[in-house]
Amino acid sequence: MNESFDQSQAGNSVRYELAITGEEARLGTRKILSRQGKRLEVNIPAGVTTGSTVKLSNALQLTDGHPGDILIQVQVREEKPPAGVTEINDGTFEAEVLKSSLPVVVDFWAPWCGPCRMIAPITEKLAQEYQGRLKFCKINIDQNRLAAEKYMVMSIPLLLFFKGGRVIEQSIGAVPESELRSKAESALREQ
């Protein structure tokens, strides 16, 4: 967080700037603010937008020992889907995956999933390497329950390999690039 001071009419206040992701803005998030050796938990409510201010009333009493508010101005970072990876949802699943003329790898993921973030660079790399021969998609299971239920997603990351509208292979967990590459090659060979 970036800090600046504001001597306002209402007394002393301290301003911070906080950058969060679009997903955090949509769902809400908690962040920890450290000030004067003290830690404060900041609850950012769901639905905030860039420029929104979260006020911690009289928080300076706790951190600095004198009255005053901490004002946190929110900046929402726009997230773009990785190059070569198509972001899909329940509504686009059939057209993008089941009716695709190319074999498709679908990454069932969630923003809170650490292993999902670990394999994302691998799928991005493979999406660029196999461009035009194999399509890579990702679907957020928190926002798209129908697809997650239909394919009985119990653990993530789950990568399902589709060809001709049917699942031909799968991979569960943060697996090495060599394993995903092998399954991608197999999907290209599958009749």
Protein backbone atom coordinates (compact mmCIF):
# COMPACT_ATOMS: atom_id res chain seq x y z
CA MET A 1 0.00 0.00 0.00
CA ASN A 2 1.19 3.47 -0.79
CA GLU A 3 0.77 6.03 2.01
CA SER A 4 0.11 9.78 1.96
CA PHE A 5 -0.97 12.19 4.70
CA ASP A 6 -4.00 14.49 4.55
CA GLN A 7 -4.60 17.17 7.16
CA SER A 8 -8.35 17.54 6.63
CA GLN A 9 -10.96 19.69 8.37
CA ALA A 10 -12.27 16.65 10.22
CA GLY A 11 -8.91 16.08 11.88
CA ASN A 12 -5.93 14.02 10.95
CA SER A 13 -6.32 11.27 8.45
CA VAL A 14 -3.88 9.10 6.59
CA ARG A 15 -4.52 7.93 3.06
CA TYR A 16 -3.33 4.69 1.54
CA GLU A 17 -3.70 3.42 -1.98
CA LEU A 18 -4.42 -0.28 -2.41
CA ALA A 19 -4.34 -2.19 -5.70
CA ILE A 20 -6.52 -5.31 -5.90
CA THR A 21 -7.48 -7.67 -8.70
CA GLY A 22 -10.79 -7.57 -10.51
CA GLU A 23 -11.72 -10.86 -8.86
CA GLU A 24 -10.99 -9.42 -5.38
CA ALA A 25 -13.08 -6.35 -6.24
CA ARG A 26 -15.98 -8.50 -7.40
CA LEU A 27 -15.94 -10.92 -4.44
CA GLY A 28 -14.48 -8.73 -1.68
CA THR A 29 -11.20 -9.44 0.09
CA ARG A 30 -9.25 -8.98 3.31
CA LYS A 31 -5.85 -7.32 3.45
CA ILE A 32 -3.45 -6.64 6.30
CA LEU A 33 -2.23 -3.07 6.83
CA SER A 34 0.92 -2.60 8.89
CA ARG A 35 1.41 0.79 10.51
CA GLN A 36 3.63 1.81 13.42
CA GLY A 37 4.35 -1.85 14.14
CA LYS A 38 0.64 -2.61 14.45
CA ARG A 39 -1.37 -4.79 12.07
CA LEU A 40 -4.92 -3.95 11.04
CA GLU A 41 -7.19 -6.20 9.04
CA VAL A 42 -8.89 -4.29 6.24
CA ASN A 43 -12.13 -5.72 4.84
CA ILE A 44 -12.64 -4.61 1.24
CA PRO A 45 -16.33 -5.18 0.45
CA ALA A 46 -17.56 -6.94 -2.69
CA GLY A 47 -18.38 -4.66 -5.59
CA VAL A 48 -15.76 -1.94 -5.03
CA THR A 49 -14.50 -0.06 -8.07
CA THR A 50 -11.41 2.00 -8.82
CA GLY A 51 -11.60 5.19 -6.78
CA SER A 52 -13.72 3.67 -3.98
CA THR A 53 -12.59 4.62 -0.49
CA VAL A 54 -12.67 2.31 2.51
CA LYS A 55 -12.63 4.23 5.80
CA LEU A 56 -11.16 2.79 8.99
CA SER A 57 -12.76 5.11 11.53
CA ASN A 58 -10.45 6.30 14.29
CA ALA A 59 -7.87 3.65 13.33
CA LEU A 60 -5.04 6.11 14.05
CA GLN A 61 -5.97 5.83 17.74
CA LEU A 62 -4.92 2.18 17.56
CA THR A 63 -1.80 2.64 15.46
CA ASP A 64 -0.49 6.11 16.31
CA GLY A 65 -2.12 6.87 19.65
CA HIS A 66 -4.11 9.90 18.43
CA PRO A 67 -7.52 10.40 16.83
CA GLY A 68 -7.86 10.09 13.08
CA ASP A 69 -9.06 7.89 10.28
CA ILE A 70 -7.24 5.72 7.79
CA LEU A 71 -8.67 6.13 4.31
CA ILE A 72 -7.87 3.47 1.74
CA GLN A 73 -8.42 4.35 -1.89
CA VAL A 74 -8.95 1.25 -4.02
CA GLN A 75 -7.41 0.74 -7.47
CA VAL A 76 -8.71 -2.27 -9.40
CA ARG A 77 -6.13 -3.88 -11.70
CA GLU A 78 -7.70 -5.07 -14.91
CA GLU A 79 -6.88 -8.69 -15.60
CA LYS A 80 -6.63 -9.96 -19.13
CA PRO A 81 -6.83 -13.63 -19.99
CA PRO A 82 -3.38 -15.02 -20.75
CA ALA A 83 -2.32 -14.87 -24.38
CA GLY A 84 -3.52 -17.93 -26.21
CA VAL A 85 -5.86 -19.06 -23.41
CA THR A 86 -9.58 -18.40 -23.90
CA GLU A 87 -11.62 -17.52 -20.81
CA ILE A 88 -14.94 -19.38 -21.04
CA ASN A 89 -18.08 -19.69 -18.93
CA ASP A 90 -21.14 -21.93 -18.62
CA GLY A 91 -22.80 -20.05 -21.48
CA THR A 92 -19.91 -20.38 -23.92
CA PHE A 93 -18.73 -23.87 -22.93
CA GLU A 94 -20.65 -25.74 -25.63
CA ALA A 95 -19.56 -23.50 -28.52
CA GLU A 96 -15.93 -23.10 -27.40
CA VAL A 97 -15.31 -26.68 -26.25
CA LEU A 98 -17.87 -29.25 -27.32
CA LYS A 99 -18.33 -27.89 -30.87
CA SER A 100 -14.69 -26.96 -31.46
CA SER A 101 -13.06 -28.36 -34.59
CA LEU A 102 -9.76 -28.48 -32.67
CA PRO A 103 -8.97 -30.61 -29.62
CA VAL A 104 -9.49 -28.49 -26.48
CA VAL A 105 -7.81 -28.44 -23.07
CA VAL A 106 -10.09 -26.97 -20.39
CA ASP A 107 -8.49 -25.79 -17.15
CA PHE A 108 -11.05 -25.86 -14.30
CA TRP A 109 -9.61 -23.43 -11.75
CA ALA A 110 -10.39 -20.85 -9.02
CA PRO A 111 -8.53 -17.67 -8.03
CA TRP A 112 -7.93 -18.88 -4.46
CA CYS A 113 -6.25 -22.10 -5.65
CA GLY A 114 -2.44 -22.03 -5.29
CA PRO A 115 -1.76 -25.05 -7.52
CA CYS A 116 -3.99 -23.46 -10.20
CA ARG A 117 -1.70 -20.43 -10.23
CA MET A 118 1.31 -22.77 -10.42
CA ILE A 119 0.19 -24.43 -13.65
CA ALA A 120 -1.18 -21.28 -15.33
CA PRO A 121 2.23 -20.32 -16.83
CA ILE A 122 2.57 -23.85 -18.22
CA THR A 123 -0.84 -23.77 -19.91
CA GLU A 124 -0.08 -20.28 -21.29
CA LYS A 125 3.21 -21.52 -22.73
CA LEU A 126 1.61 -24.62 -24.27
CA ALA A 127 -1.29 -22.54 -25.65
CA GLN A 128 1.19 -20.43 -27.58
CA GLU A 129 3.21 -23.42 -28.77
CA TYR A 130 0.16 -25.39 -29.95
CA GLN A 131 -1.74 -22.40 -31.35
CA GLY A 132 -3.86 -23.42 -34.33
CA ARG A 133 -3.61 -27.14 -33.47
CA LEU A 134 -4.87 -27.36 -29.88
CA LYS A 135 -7.14 -24.87 -28.12
CA PHE A 136 -6.65 -23.96 -24.44
CA CYS A 137 -9.52 -22.63 -22.31
CA LYS A 138 -9.97 -21.87 -18.64
CA ILE A 139 -13.17 -21.77 -16.61
CA ASN A 140 -13.55 -20.39 -13.09
CA ILE A 141 -15.49 -23.00 -11.10
CA ASP A 142 -16.67 -20.45 -8.51
CA GLN A 143 -18.50 -18.52 -11.22
CA ASN A 144 -19.50 -21.46 -13.43
CA ARG A 145 -21.06 -24.20 -11.36
CA LEU A 146 -22.92 -25.93 -14.21
CA ALA A 147 -19.79 -27.05 -16.05
CA ALA A 148 -18.08 -27.96 -12.77
CA GLU A 149 -21.05 -30.12 -11.76
CA LYS A 150 -21.46 -31.70 -15.20
CA TYR A 151 -17.83 -32.85 -15.25
CA MET A 152 -17.85 -33.72 -11.51
CA VAL A 153 -14.97 -31.43 -10.61
CA MET A 154 -13.89 -32.46 -7.12
CA SER A 155 -10.26 -31.26 -7.12
CA ILE A 156 -8.58 -28.40 -8.91
CA PRO A 157 -6.71 -27.68 -10.99
CA LEU A 158 -8.43 -30.18 -13.26
CA LEU A 159 -7.48 -30.16 -16.92
CA LEU A 160 -9.84 -32.06 -19.20
CA PHE A 161 -8.75 -32.83 -22.75
CA PHE A 162 -11.66 -32.83 -25.23
CA LYS A 163 -11.79 -34.07 -28.80
CA GLY A 164 -14.98 -34.20 -30.84
CA GLY A 165 -16.98 -33.04 -27.83
CA ARG A 166 -15.91 -35.86 -25.51
CA VAL A 167 -13.32 -36.11 -22.73
CA ILE A 168 -10.33 -38.20 -23.85
CA GLU A 169 -7.82 -37.43 -21.08
CA GLN A 170 -7.49 -35.61 -17.77
CA SER A 171 -4.88 -34.22 -15.41
CA ILE A 172 -5.44 -33.38 -11.74
CA GLY A 173 -3.22 -31.12 -9.65
CA ALA A 174 -0.09 -29.14 -10.35
CA VAL A 175 1.70 -31.56 -12.66
CA PRO A 176 4.99 -30.98 -14.49
CA GLU A 177 5.06 -29.42 -17.94
CA SER A 178 6.34 -32.68 -19.44
CA GLU A 179 3.18 -34.51 -18.31
CA LEU A 180 0.87 -31.87 -19.79
CA ARG A 181 2.90 -31.78 -23.00
CA SER A 182 2.64 -35.57 -23.30
CA LYS A 183 -1.14 -35.47 -22.84
CA ALA A 184 -1.43 -32.62 -25.37
CA GLU A 185 0.53 -34.65 -27.93
CA SER A 186 -1.67 -37.65 -27.22
CA ALA A 187 -4.81 -35.53 -27.79
CA LEU A 188 -3.46 -34.46 -31.17
CA ARG A 189 -2.86 -38.10 -32.17
CA GLU A 190 -6.19 -39.46 -30.82
CA GLN A 191 -8.55 -40.53 -33.62
